[in-house]
Amino acid sequence: MGITIGSARHDEKNGYTGGAKGDGLQTSTPDHKGEVSMQNFYVHKKGWNVLRPKDPDNAKRIADNMKAACNNKNLGYSQSDRYGVIKDGIKTTKPSNCDCSSLVRACVKEAVGKDPGDFTTANAINKLSAMGLFEPAFPYNYSSVLYSGDILCTKTKGHIVIVTESSNSRPAAKPLKQMKISKKGLELIKSFESCQLTAYKAVPTEKYYTIGWGHNGADVKPGMVISSAQADAYLAVDIARFEKAVNDTGLQLNQNQFDSLTSFVYNCGTKNLRNLINNRTLPQIADAMLLYNKSGGKVLNGLVRRRNAERALFLDPC
C-alpha cells in the first residue's frame, strides 16, 4: 500500500517512563529505528480511528512536522517528560522528550498555528475534532484509503500516529463554503453601530476617525462628511472583509454562529477574533465573548450589551 507512519514509540530501554532526553536509538536519517521514528503502516490490535485534516495544506504541514520530529536526534521518548516537545518545539536543537500524544499535539499546533490543548490517546479524537479543522473521524478498515497527514488513534487508550507518506494521492479539495451574513446578523450590527455621517472619535485616544456604520480607518479624515448611500457602501465593504475573517477560521458554524462572530470581529477586529477562538470549543467561544467588554481598560455598558447579544445569538440554534 506504500504507507509510512511516524510516532513517538518508546525510550532507549524500550520502556515508557524515565527515559533520557534525546533519541538514544537513532543512528541515521530517515529514522526508522529510533525512539521517535517512522515505520511501515500496520493495523493496531486495538483498531484505528482516522482523523483527516480538511485542508490539504494543513495535512502536508502535519505530515512534514512528524517527519521532522522523527529525524530529529534531539527528540526522545518519555511519558514522564512528555511536555518537552511542547516547550522546545519539534525542531529543538537541545535534547528533549515527548510521548505519542504530546508529539501529535505539537505537530498539529505548529502546522495550523492553534494549540488543540493537552490530550491522551483516550480523548485525542474528541480534543482534535473540537478544533473544527478535521473531517468527522471514521474507523479504519482494509478498504480505507489513507493520505499523508491523516492522524490514526487507537479506538481505546493505546497509541496515536501520523501518516507521513502515502502512495495514495488525495483528491483535490472542494472549496469550502463561504458563508455570508444574514439579515438578522446585519440588523444586530446596525443596532449597535449607529450611522454617523460626520467623522468622529468615540474615544479621544483612538488612532483613526470613524464614520458611517462604524467604519474606521486611515481613509476617514477629520471633518469628513458622507451621505447615507456612502455609509451603506462602506458597510458593505467592511462586512465582506469581516465575513472573510470568520470564514478563514475554518470553524464549522451555523448561520447564527457565523452572524455572531461577524458582529464580534466587526467591533473588535481580526486579532481579537483569533484570540477569542484559540484553543476553545464552540461553547467556550460563546462564554469568552463576554470578556471583550472594555475600551481603554474600562468596562463600557454598550460593549456589555453587545457581547451579551452576540453570545445569545451564537447559542441560539438555527
C-alpha atoms as a PDB file:
ATOM      1  CA  MET A   1       0.000   0.000   0.000  1.00  0.00           C
ATOM      2  CA  GLY A   2       3.079   2.285   0.293  1.00  0.00           C
ATOM      3  CA  ILE A   3       2.208   3.951   3.597  1.00  0.00           C
ATOM      4  CA  THR A   4       4.614   5.117   6.296  1.00  0.00           C
ATOM      5  CA  ILE A   5       3.597   6.347   9.741  1.00  0.00           C
ATOM      6  CA  GLY A   6       5.557   8.307  12.331  1.00  0.00           C
ATOM      7  CA  SER A   7       5.197   8.395  16.105  1.00  0.00           C
ATOM      8  CA  ALA A   8       6.893   8.501  19.473  1.00  0.00           C
ATOM      9  CA  ARG A   9       7.303   4.788  20.239  1.00  0.00           C
ATOM     10  CA  HIS A  10       9.395   4.012  23.344  1.00  0.00           C
ATOM     11  CA  ASP A  11      12.513   5.143  25.193  1.00  0.00           C
ATOM     12  CA  GLU A  12      16.114   3.986  24.756  1.00  0.00           C
ATOM     13  CA  LYS A  13      15.446   0.979  27.028  1.00  0.00           C
ATOM     14  CA  ASN A  14      12.207   0.032  25.256  1.00  0.00           C
ATOM     15  CA  GLY A  15      10.324   1.451  28.251  1.00  0.00           C
ATOM     16  CA  TYR A  16       7.864   4.299  28.572  1.00  0.00           C
ATOM     17  CA  THR A  17       8.839   6.438  31.576  1.00  0.00           C
ATOM     18  CA  GLY A  18      12.093   7.890  32.835  1.00  0.00           C
ATOM     19  CA  GLY A  19      13.894   7.927  29.513  1.00  0.00           C
ATOM     20  CA  ALA A  20      16.843  10.264  28.968  1.00  0.00           C
ATOM     21  CA  LYS A  21      16.357  13.391  26.878  1.00  0.00           C
ATOM     22  CA  GLY A  22      17.065  12.954  23.184  1.00  0.00           C
ATOM     23  CA  ASP A  23      16.829   9.943  20.896  1.00  0.00           C
ATOM     24  CA  GLY A  24      19.390   7.394  22.085  1.00  0.00           C
ATOM     25  CA  LEU A  25      18.428   4.884  19.399  1.00  0.00           C
ATOM     26  CA  GLN A  26      18.588   6.992  16.250  1.00  0.00           C
ATOM     27  CA  THR A  27      21.543   6.081  14.031  1.00  0.00           C
ATOM     28  CA  SER A  28      20.614   7.574  10.661  1.00  0.00           C
ATOM     29  CA  THR A  29      18.016   9.536   8.745  1.00  0.00           C
ATOM     30  CA  PRO A  30      15.384   8.940   7.607  1.00  0.00           C
ATOM     31  CA  ASP A  31      14.938   7.329  11.021  1.00  0.00           C
ATOM     32  CA  HIS A  32      13.110   4.012  11.199  1.00  0.00           C
ATOM     33  CA  LYS A  33      14.712   2.675  14.390  1.00  0.00           C
ATOM     34  CA  GLY A  34      14.718   5.489  16.935  1.00  0.00           C
ATOM     35  CA  GLU A  35      12.613   6.297  19.962  1.00  0.00           C
ATOM     36  CA  VAL A  36      10.710   8.740  17.767  1.00  0.00           C
ATOM     37  CA  SER A  37      10.718   7.302  14.275  1.00  0.00           C
ATOM     38  CA  MET A  38       8.855   6.162  11.188  1.00  0.00           C
ATOM     39  CA  GLN A  39       7.754   2.644  10.295  1.00  0.00           C
ATOM     40  CA  ASN A  40       5.640   0.859   7.734  1.00  0.00           C
ATOM     41  CA  PHE A  41       1.897   1.145   8.300  1.00  0.00           C
ATOM     42  CA  TYR A  42       0.293  -1.591  10.389  1.00  0.00           C
ATOM     43  CA  VAL A  43      -3.160  -2.204  11.825  1.00  0.00           C
ATOM     44  CA  HIS A  44      -3.036  -1.851  15.607  1.00  0.00           C
ATOM     45  CA  LYS A  45      -4.601  -4.699  17.594  1.00  0.00           C
ATOM     46  CA  LYS A  46      -6.997  -2.164  19.152  1.00  0.00           C
ATOM     47  CA  GLY A  47      -8.001  -0.831  15.739  1.00  0.00           C
ATOM     48  CA  TRP A  48      -7.569   2.680  14.368  1.00  0.00           C
ATOM     49  CA  ASN A  49      -9.852   5.669  14.187  1.00  0.00           C
ATOM     50  CA  VAL A  50      -8.843   8.065  11.409  1.00  0.00           C
ATOM     51  CA  LEU A  51      -8.923  11.860  11.665  1.00  0.00           C
ATOM     52  CA  ARG A  52      -8.314  13.706   8.398  1.00  0.00           C
ATOM     53  CA  PRO A  53      -7.473  17.426   8.063  1.00  0.00           C
ATOM     54  CA  LYS A  54      -9.996  19.294   5.926  1.00  0.00           C
ATOM     55  CA  ASP A  55      -7.294  21.488   4.412  1.00  0.00           C
ATOM     56  CA  PRO A  56      -4.710  19.605   2.276  1.00  0.00           C
ATOM     57  CA  ASP A  57      -2.107  22.254   3.124  1.00  0.00           C
ATOM     58  CA  ASN A  58      -2.607  21.587   6.838  1.00  0.00           C
ATOM     59  CA  ALA A  59      -2.336  17.851   6.137  1.00  0.00           C
ATOM     60  CA  LYS A  60       1.008  18.344   4.380  1.00  0.00           C
ATOM     61  CA  ARG A  61       2.366  20.501   7.198  1.00  0.00           C
ATOM     62  CA  ILE A  62       1.259  17.985   9.826  1.00  0.00           C
ATOM     63  CA  ALA A  63       2.956  15.134   7.936  1.00  0.00           C
ATOM     64  CA  ASP A  64       6.119  17.192   7.358  1.00  0.00           C
ATOM     65  CA  ASN A  65       6.249  18.072  11.064  1.00  0.00           C
ATOM     66  CA  MET A  66       6.080  14.415  12.046  1.00  0.00           C
ATOM     67  CA  LYS A  67       8.874  13.567   9.598  1.00  0.00           C
ATOM     68  CA  ALA A  68      10.990  16.380  11.032  1.00  0.00           C
ATOM     69  CA  ALA A  69      10.343  15.113  14.565  1.00  0.00           C
ATOM     70  CA  CYS A  70      11.262  11.541  13.636  1.00  0.00           C
ATOM     71  CA  ASN A  71      14.516  12.704  12.072  1.00  0.00           C
ATOM     72  CA  ASN A  72      15.463  14.996  14.968  1.00  0.00           C
ATOM     73  CA  LYS A  73      18.026  13.229  17.143  1.00  0.00           C
ATOM     74  CA  ASN A  74      17.309  15.679  19.964  1.00  0.00           C
ATOM     75  CA  LEU A  75      13.760  14.400  20.412  1.00  0.00           C
ATOM     76  CA  GLY A  76      13.370  11.260  22.522  1.00  0.00           C
ATOM     77  CA  TYR A  77      10.604   9.453  24.387  1.00  0.00           C
ATOM     78  CA  SER A  78       9.446   9.677  27.984  1.00  0.00           C
ATOM     79  CA  GLN A  79       5.891   9.776  29.300  1.00  0.00           C
ATOM     80  CA  SER A  80       7.169  11.385  32.496  1.00  0.00           C
ATOM     81  CA  ASP A  81       8.746  14.217  30.461  1.00  0.00           C
ATOM     82  CA  ARG A  82       6.110  14.390  27.711  1.00  0.00           C
ATOM     83  CA  TYR A  83       5.722  18.171  27.576  1.00  0.00           C
ATOM     84  CA  GLY A  84       9.298  18.816  26.466  1.00  0.00           C
ATOM     85  CA  VAL A  85       8.269  18.947  22.803  1.00  0.00           C
ATOM     86  CA  ILE A  86       5.517  21.473  23.575  1.00  0.00           C
ATOM     87  CA  LYS A  87       8.041  23.756  25.271  1.00  0.00           C
ATOM     88  CA  ASP A  88      11.031  23.187  22.985  1.00  0.00           C
ATOM     89  CA  GLY A  89       9.342  22.532  19.633  1.00  0.00           C
ATOM     90  CA  ILE A  90       9.637  19.791  17.034  1.00  0.00           C
ATOM     91  CA  LYS A  91      12.889  21.152  15.624  1.00  0.00           C
ATOM     92  CA  THR A  92      14.513  21.585  19.029  1.00  0.00           C
ATOM     93  CA  THR A  93      18.286  21.895  18.963  1.00  0.00           C
ATOM     94  CA  LYS A  94      18.655  20.721  22.555  1.00  0.00           C
ATOM     95  CA  PRO A  95      17.786  17.266  23.939  1.00  0.00           C
ATOM     96  CA  SER A  96      14.098  16.982  24.796  1.00  0.00           C
ATOM     97  CA  ASN A  97      11.316  14.404  25.148  1.00  0.00           C
ATOM     98  CA  CYS A  98       7.725  13.634  24.213  1.00  0.00           C
ATOM     99  CA  ASP A  99       5.245  10.800  24.153  1.00  0.00           C
ATOM    100  CA  CYS A 100       2.963   9.789  21.295  1.00  0.00           C
ATOM    101  CA  SER A 101       0.129  12.158  22.255  1.00  0.00           C
ATOM    102  CA  SER A 102       2.207  15.258  23.017  1.00  0.00           C
ATOM    103  CA  LEU A 103       4.125  14.764  19.760  1.00  0.00           C
ATOM    104  CA  VAL A 104       0.935  14.709  17.686  1.00  0.00           C
ATOM    105  CA  ARG A 105      -0.265  17.776  19.615  1.00  0.00           C
ATOM    106  CA  ALA A 106       2.969  19.584  18.716  1.00  0.00           C
ATOM    107  CA  CYS A 107       2.754  18.526  15.047  1.00  0.00           C
ATOM    108  CA  VAL A 108      -0.774  19.923  14.786  1.00  0.00           C
ATOM    109  CA  LYS A 109      -0.014  23.059  16.804  1.00  0.00           C
ATOM    110  CA  GLU A 110       2.994  24.006  14.689  1.00  0.00           C
ATOM    111  CA  ALA A 111       1.156  23.176  11.442  1.00  0.00           C
ATOM    112  CA  VAL A 112      -2.026  25.197  11.964  1.00  0.00           C
ATOM    113  CA  GLY A 113      -0.908  27.828  14.500  1.00  0.00           C
ATOM    114  CA  LYS A 114      -3.505  26.697  17.013  1.00  0.00           C
ATOM    115  CA  ASP A 115      -2.898  24.515  20.068  1.00  0.00           C
ATOM    116  CA  PRO A 116      -5.511  21.759  20.482  1.00  0.00           C
ATOM    117  CA  GLY A 117      -4.594  21.581  24.169  1.00  0.00           C
ATOM    118  CA  ASP A 118      -3.428  18.638  26.230  1.00  0.00           C
ATOM    119  CA  PHE A 119      -4.806  15.184  25.436  1.00  0.00           C
ATOM    120  CA  THR A 120      -4.037  11.476  25.719  1.00  0.00           C
ATOM    121  CA  THR A 121      -4.948   8.632  23.389  1.00  0.00           C
ATOM    122  CA  ALA A 122      -8.143   8.220  25.424  1.00  0.00           C
ATOM    123  CA  ASN A 123      -9.575  11.604  24.345  1.00  0.00           C
ATOM    124  CA  ALA A 124      -7.412  12.660  21.376  1.00  0.00           C
ATOM    125  CA  ILE A 125     -10.145  12.300  18.747  1.00  0.00           C
ATOM    126  CA  ASN A 126     -12.599  14.461  20.691  1.00  0.00           C
ATOM    127  CA  LYS A 127      -9.975  17.078  21.537  1.00  0.00           C
ATOM    128  CA  LEU A 128      -8.692  17.396  17.980  1.00  0.00           C
ATOM    129  CA  SER A 129     -12.180  17.316  16.461  1.00  0.00           C
ATOM    130  CA  ALA A 130     -13.177  20.277  18.644  1.00  0.00           C
ATOM    131  CA  MET A 131     -10.711  22.435  16.685  1.00  0.00           C
ATOM    132  CA  GLY A 132     -13.092  22.389  13.714  1.00  0.00           C
ATOM    133  CA  LEU A 133     -10.192  21.650  11.334  1.00  0.00           C
ATOM    134  CA  PHE A 134     -10.787  17.937  10.730  1.00  0.00           C
ATOM    135  CA  GLU A 135     -13.352  15.876   8.889  1.00  0.00           C
ATOM    136  CA  PRO A 136     -15.518  13.562  11.039  1.00  0.00           C
ATOM    137  CA  ALA A 137     -13.462  10.657  12.395  1.00  0.00           C
ATOM    138  CA  PHE A 138     -14.051   7.213  10.899  1.00  0.00           C
ATOM    139  CA  PRO A 139     -12.877   3.693  11.799  1.00  0.00           C
ATOM    140  CA  TYR A 140     -10.131   2.230   9.631  1.00  0.00           C
ATOM    141  CA  ASN A 141     -10.877  -0.959   7.732  1.00  0.00           C
ATOM    142  CA  TYR A 142      -8.975  -2.754   4.996  1.00  0.00           C
ATOM    143  CA  SER A 143     -10.805  -0.871   2.247  1.00  0.00           C
ATOM    144  CA  SER A 144      -9.969   2.521   3.763  1.00  0.00           C
ATOM    145  CA  VAL A 145      -7.680   4.854   1.822  1.00  0.00           C
ATOM    146  CA  LEU A 146      -5.114   6.776   3.870  1.00  0.00           C
ATOM    147  CA  TYR A 147      -3.397  10.025   2.916  1.00  0.00           C
ATOM    148  CA  SER A 148      -0.363  11.890   4.227  1.00  0.00           C
ATOM    149  CA  GLY A 149      -1.324  13.948   7.270  1.00  0.00           C
ATOM    150  CA  ASP A 150      -4.049  11.576   8.460  1.00  0.00           C
ATOM    151  CA  ILE A 151      -3.975  11.041  12.226  1.00  0.00           C
ATOM    152  CA  LEU A 152      -4.594   7.499  13.438  1.00  0.00           C
ATOM    153  CA  CYS A 153      -5.556   6.886  17.060  1.00  0.00           C
ATOM    154  CA  THR A 154      -6.420   3.572  18.655  1.00  0.00           C
ATOM    155  CA  LYS A 155     -10.115   3.013  19.369  1.00  0.00           C
ATOM    156  CA  THR A 156      -9.310   2.647  23.064  1.00  0.00           C
ATOM    157  CA  LYS A 157      -6.398   4.104  25.008  1.00  0.00           C
ATOM    158  CA  GLY A 158      -3.159   2.981  23.378  1.00  0.00           C
ATOM    159  CA  HIS A 159      -1.277   4.785  20.621  1.00  0.00           C
ATOM    160  CA  ILE A 160      -1.508   7.677  18.146  1.00  0.00           C
ATOM    161  CA  VAL A 161       0.464   8.172  14.914  1.00  0.00           C
ATOM    162  CA  ILE A 162       0.538  10.375  11.814  1.00  0.00           C
ATOM    163  CA  VAL A 163       0.744   9.153   8.219  1.00  0.00           C
ATOM    164  CA  THR A 164       3.990  10.667   6.917  1.00  0.00           C
ATOM    165  CA  GLU A 165       3.981   9.172   3.414  1.00  0.00           C
ATOM    166  CA  SER A 166       1.261   7.617   1.267  1.00  0.00           C
ATOM    167  CA  SER A 167       1.214   6.402  -2.309  1.00  0.00           C
ATOM    168  CA  ASN A 168      -2.413   7.498  -2.432  1.00  0.00           C
ATOM    169  CA  SER A 169      -2.959  10.964  -3.922  1.00  0.00           C
ATOM    170  CA  ARG A 170      -5.569  12.977  -2.100  1.00  0.00           C
ATOM    171  CA  PRO A 171      -8.333  14.260  -4.386  1.00  0.00           C
ATOM    172  CA  ALA A 172      -8.472  17.991  -4.929  1.00  0.00           C
ATOM    173  CA  ALA A 173     -10.325  19.588  -2.056  1.00  0.00           C
ATOM    174  CA  LYS A 174     -13.754  21.033  -2.684  1.00  0.00           C
ATOM    175  CA  PRO A 175     -13.781  24.765  -1.986  1.00  0.00           C
ATOM    176  CA  LEU A 176     -15.043  25.457   1.500  1.00  0.00           C
ATOM    177  CA  LYS A 177     -18.454  27.069   1.556  1.00  0.00           C
ATOM    178  CA  GLN A 178     -18.069  30.799   2.013  1.00  0.00           C
ATOM    179  CA  MET A 179     -20.810  31.948   4.351  1.00  0.00           C
ATOM    180  CA  LYS A 180     -22.447  35.362   4.182  1.00  0.00           C
ATOM    181  CA  ILE A 181     -24.068  37.345   6.957  1.00  0.00           C
ATOM    182  CA  SER A 182     -27.848  37.123   7.197  1.00  0.00           C
ATOM    183  CA  LYS A 183     -30.377  39.935   7.595  1.00  0.00           C
ATOM    184  CA  LYS A 184     -30.538  39.088  11.307  1.00  0.00           C
ATOM    185  CA  GLY A 185     -26.774  39.485  11.693  1.00  0.00           C
ATOM    186  CA  LEU A 186     -26.724  42.735   9.746  1.00  0.00           C
ATOM    187  CA  GLU A 187     -29.513  44.134  11.912  1.00  0.00           C
ATOM    188  CA  LEU A 188     -27.545  43.182  15.036  1.00  0.00           C
ATOM    189  CA  ILE A 189     -24.528  45.151  13.815  1.00  0.00           C
ATOM    190  CA  LYS A 190     -26.633  48.158  12.846  1.00  0.00           C
ATOM    191  CA  SER A 191     -28.384  48.139  16.222  1.00  0.00           C
ATOM    192  CA  PHE A 192     -25.031  48.814  17.917  1.00  0.00           C
ATOM    193  CA  GLU A 193     -23.328  50.838  15.171  1.00  0.00           C
ATOM    194  CA  SER A 194     -25.452  53.965  14.811  1.00  0.00           C
ATOM    195  CA  CYS A 195     -24.992  55.702  11.457  1.00  0.00           C
ATOM    196  CA  GLN A 196     -22.941  58.897  11.779  1.00  0.00           C
ATOM    197  CA  LEU A 197     -22.425  60.911   8.592  1.00  0.00           C
ATOM    198  CA  THR A 198     -19.697  63.153  10.074  1.00  0.00           C
ATOM    199  CA  ALA A 199     -16.306  61.783  11.111  1.00  0.00           C
ATOM    200  CA  TYR A 200     -15.771  61.448  14.864  1.00  0.00           C
ATOM    201  CA  LYS A 201     -13.665  59.761  17.542  1.00  0.00           C
ATOM    202  CA  ALA A 202     -15.691  57.762  20.059  1.00  0.00           C
ATOM    203  CA  VAL A 203     -12.646  57.763  22.345  1.00  0.00           C
ATOM    204  CA  PRO A 204     -10.097  60.611  22.073  1.00  0.00           C
ATOM    205  CA  THR A 205      -7.161  58.199  22.199  1.00  0.00           C
ATOM    206  CA  GLU A 206      -8.317  56.261  19.106  1.00  0.00           C
ATOM    207  CA  LYS A 207      -5.808  56.341  16.256  1.00  0.00           C
ATOM    208  CA  TYR A 208      -8.358  56.827  13.456  1.00  0.00           C
ATOM    209  CA  TYR A 209     -11.648  58.621  12.970  1.00  0.00           C
ATOM    210  CA  THR A 210     -14.921  56.727  12.500  1.00  0.00           C
ATOM    211  CA  ILE A 211     -17.815  57.427  10.125  1.00  0.00           C
ATOM    212  CA  GLY A 212     -20.980  55.755   8.805  1.00  0.00           C
ATOM    213  CA  TRP A 213     -21.874  52.398  10.386  1.00  0.00           C
ATOM    214  CA  GLY A 214     -18.697  52.233  12.468  1.00  0.00           C
ATOM    215  CA  HIS A 215     -16.284  52.421   9.532  1.00  0.00           C
ATOM    216  CA  ASN A 216     -12.852  53.192  10.967  1.00  0.00           C
ATOM    217  CA  GLY A 217      -9.520  53.687   9.240  1.00  0.00           C
ATOM    218  CA  ALA A 218      -6.884  55.933   7.725  1.00  0.00           C
ATOM    219  CA  ASP A 219      -9.279  56.845   4.893  1.00  0.00           C
ATOM    220  CA  VAL A 220     -11.541  58.684   7.352  1.00  0.00           C
ATOM    221  CA  LYS A 221     -10.321  62.265   7.768  1.00  0.00           C
ATOM    222  CA  PRO A 222     -11.237  64.926  10.377  1.00  0.00           C
ATOM    223  CA  GLY A 223     -14.289  66.918   9.265  1.00  0.00           C
ATOM    224  CA  MET A 224     -15.236  64.336   6.623  1.00  0.00           C
ATOM    225  CA  VAL A 225     -18.965  64.195   5.733  1.00  0.00           C
ATOM    226  CA  ILE A 226     -20.667  61.456   3.703  1.00  0.00           C
ATOM    227  CA  SER A 227     -24.172  60.569   2.502  1.00  0.00           C
ATOM    228  CA  SER A 228     -26.349  57.694   3.739  1.00  0.00           C
ATOM    229  CA  ALA A 229     -25.620  55.849   0.491  1.00  0.00           C
ATOM    230  CA  GLN A 230     -21.870  56.214   1.082  1.00  0.00           C
ATOM    231  CA  ALA A 231     -22.319  54.943   4.651  1.00  0.00           C
ATOM    232  CA  ASP A 232     -24.067  51.838   3.307  1.00  0.00           C
ATOM    233  CA  ALA A 233     -21.285  51.350   0.747  1.00  0.00           C
ATOM    234  CA  TYR A 234     -18.638  51.470   3.484  1.00  0.00           C
ATOM    235  CA  LEU A 235     -20.699  48.971   5.481  1.00  0.00           C
ATOM    236  CA  ALA A 236     -20.861  46.517   2.568  1.00  0.00           C
ATOM    237  CA  VAL A 237     -17.094  46.641   2.061  1.00  0.00           C
ATOM    238  CA  ASP A 238     -16.390  46.197   5.792  1.00  0.00           C
ATOM    239  CA  ILE A 239     -18.891  43.341   6.113  1.00  0.00           C
ATOM    240  CA  ALA A 240     -17.225  41.469   3.227  1.00  0.00           C
ATOM    241  CA  ARG A 241     -13.819  41.843   4.889  1.00  0.00           C
ATOM    242  CA  PHE A 242     -15.044  40.540   8.225  1.00  0.00           C
ATOM    243  CA  GLU A 243     -17.076  37.713   6.648  1.00  0.00           C
ATOM    244  CA  LYS A 244     -13.787  36.547   5.114  1.00  0.00           C
ATOM    245  CA  ALA A 245     -12.066  36.726   8.507  1.00  0.00           C
ATOM    246  CA  VAL A 246     -14.703  34.442  10.035  1.00  0.00           C
ATOM    247  CA  ASN A 247     -14.679  32.059   7.059  1.00  0.00           C
ATOM    248  CA  ASP A 248     -10.884  31.856   7.261  1.00  0.00           C
ATOM    249  CA  THR A 249     -11.050  30.445  10.807  1.00  0.00           C
ATOM    250  CA  GLY A 250     -12.154  27.117   9.303  1.00  0.00           C
ATOM    251  CA  LEU A 251     -14.730  26.662  12.062  1.00  0.00           C
ATOM    252  CA  GLN A 252     -17.884  24.688  11.281  1.00  0.00           C
ATOM    253  CA  LEU A 253     -20.580  27.249  12.093  1.00  0.00           C
ATOM    254  CA  ASN A 254     -24.325  27.523  11.690  1.00  0.00           C
ATOM    255  CA  GLN A 255     -25.789  30.799  10.432  1.00  0.00           C
ATOM    256  CA  ASN A 256     -26.388  32.312  13.865  1.00  0.00           C
ATOM    257  CA  GLN A 257     -22.852  31.482  14.998  1.00  0.00           C
ATOM    258  CA  PHE A 258     -21.434  32.992  11.820  1.00  0.00           C
ATOM    259  CA  ASP A 259     -23.508  36.157  12.222  1.00  0.00           C
ATOM    260  CA  SER A 260     -22.461  36.462  15.856  1.00  0.00           C
ATOM    261  CA  LEU A 261     -18.742  36.189  15.087  1.00  0.00           C
ATOM    262  CA  THR A 262     -19.053  38.612  12.162  1.00  0.00           C
ATOM    263  CA  SER A 263     -20.580  41.174  14.515  1.00  0.00           C
ATOM    264  CA  PHE A 264     -17.812  40.455  17.039  1.00  0.00           C
ATOM    265  CA  VAL A 265     -14.961  40.897  14.561  1.00  0.00           C
ATOM    266  CA  TYR A 266     -16.640  43.993  13.073  1.00  0.00           C
ATOM    267  CA  ASN A 267     -16.398  45.571  16.508  1.00  0.00           C
ATOM    268  CA  CYS A 268     -13.230  44.009  17.940  1.00  0.00           C
ATOM    269  CA  GLY A 269     -11.009  43.283  14.917  1.00  0.00           C
ATOM    270  CA  THR A 270      -9.352  40.202  13.462  1.00  0.00           C
ATOM    271  CA  LYS A 271      -6.619  39.901  16.101  1.00  0.00           C
ATOM    272  CA  ASN A 272      -9.194  39.650  18.873  1.00  0.00           C
ATOM    273  CA  LEU A 273     -11.155  37.122  16.789  1.00  0.00           C
ATOM    274  CA  ARG A 274      -8.080  34.887  16.631  1.00  0.00           C
ATOM    275  CA  ASN A 275      -7.550  35.251  20.369  1.00  0.00           C
ATOM    276  CA  LEU A 276     -11.221  34.510  21.027  1.00  0.00           C
ATOM    277  CA  ILE A 277     -11.278  31.181  19.190  1.00  0.00           C
ATOM    278  CA  ASN A 278      -7.761  29.988  20.074  1.00  0.00           C
ATOM    279  CA  ASN A 279      -7.818  26.673  21.994  1.00  0.00           C
ATOM    280  CA  ARG A 280     -11.583  26.935  22.648  1.00  0.00           C
ATOM    281  CA  THR A 281     -14.553  24.788  21.747  1.00  0.00           C
ATOM    282  CA  LEU A 282     -17.675  26.480  20.367  1.00  0.00           C
ATOM    283  CA  PRO A 283     -19.411  26.689  23.798  1.00  0.00           C
ATOM    284  CA  GLN A 284     -16.219  28.125  25.285  1.00  0.00           C
ATOM    285  CA  ILE A 285     -16.052  30.709  22.488  1.00  0.00           C
ATOM    286  CA  ALA A 286     -19.575  31.860  23.350  1.00  0.00           C
ATOM    287  CA  ASP A 287     -18.676  32.365  27.005  1.00  0.00           C
ATOM    288  CA  ALA A 288     -15.347  34.044  26.223  1.00  0.00           C
ATOM    289  CA  MET A 289     -17.091  36.718  24.161  1.00  0.00           C
ATOM    290  CA  LEU A 290     -18.237  38.324  27.387  1.00  0.00           C
ATOM    291  CA  LEU A 291     -14.615  39.143  28.277  1.00  0.00           C
ATOM    292  CA  TYR A 292     -14.367  41.685  25.442  1.00  0.00           C
ATOM    293  CA  ASN A 293     -16.340  44.430  27.163  1.00  0.00           C
ATOM    294  CA  LYS A 294     -13.663  47.066  27.785  1.00  0.00           C
ATOM    295  CA  SER A 295     -12.266  50.096  25.999  1.00  0.00           C
ATOM    296  CA  GLY A 296      -9.231  51.846  27.391  1.00  0.00           C
ATOM    297  CA  GLY A 297      -9.264  49.351  30.271  1.00  0.00           C
ATOM    298  CA  LYS A 298     -12.769  50.372  31.383  1.00  0.00           C
ATOM    299  CA  VAL A 299     -15.927  48.276  31.154  1.00  0.00           C
ATOM    300  CA  LEU A 300     -18.454  50.013  28.891  1.00  0.00           C
ATOM    301  CA  ASN A 301     -22.168  49.286  29.236  1.00  0.00           C
ATOM    302  CA  GLY A 302     -22.599  49.407  25.470  1.00  0.00           C
ATOM    303  CA  LEU A 303     -19.969  46.695  24.989  1.00  0.00           C
ATOM    304  CA  VAL A 304     -21.509  44.602  27.764  1.00  0.00           C
ATOM    305  CA  ARG A 305     -24.872  44.740  25.970  1.00  0.00           C
ATOM    306  CA  ARG A 306     -23.304  43.954  22.604  1.00  0.00           C
ATOM    307  CA  ARG A 307     -21.341  40.954  23.871  1.00  0.00           C
ATOM    308  CA  ASN A 308     -24.458  39.584  25.596  1.00  0.00           C
ATOM    309  CA  ALA A 309     -26.454  39.978  22.382  1.00  0.00           C
ATOM    310  CA  GLU A 310     -23.722  38.293  20.304  1.00  0.00           C
ATOM    311  CA  ARG A 311     -23.440  35.434  22.786  1.00  0.00           C
ATOM    312  CA  ALA A 312     -27.223  34.929  22.818  1.00  0.00           C
ATOM    313  CA  LEU A 313     -27.265  34.776  19.023  1.00  0.00           C
ATOM    314  CA  PHE A 314     -24.282  32.398  18.969  1.00  0.00           C
ATOM    315  CA  LEU A 315     -26.111  29.994  21.306  1.00  0.00           C
ATOM    316  CA  ASP A 316     -29.458  30.278  19.506  1.00  0.00           C
ATOM    317  CA  PRO A 317     -29.852  27.200  17.251  1.00  0.00           C
ATOM    318  CA  CYS A 318     -30.958  27.997  13.715  1.00  0.00           C
END
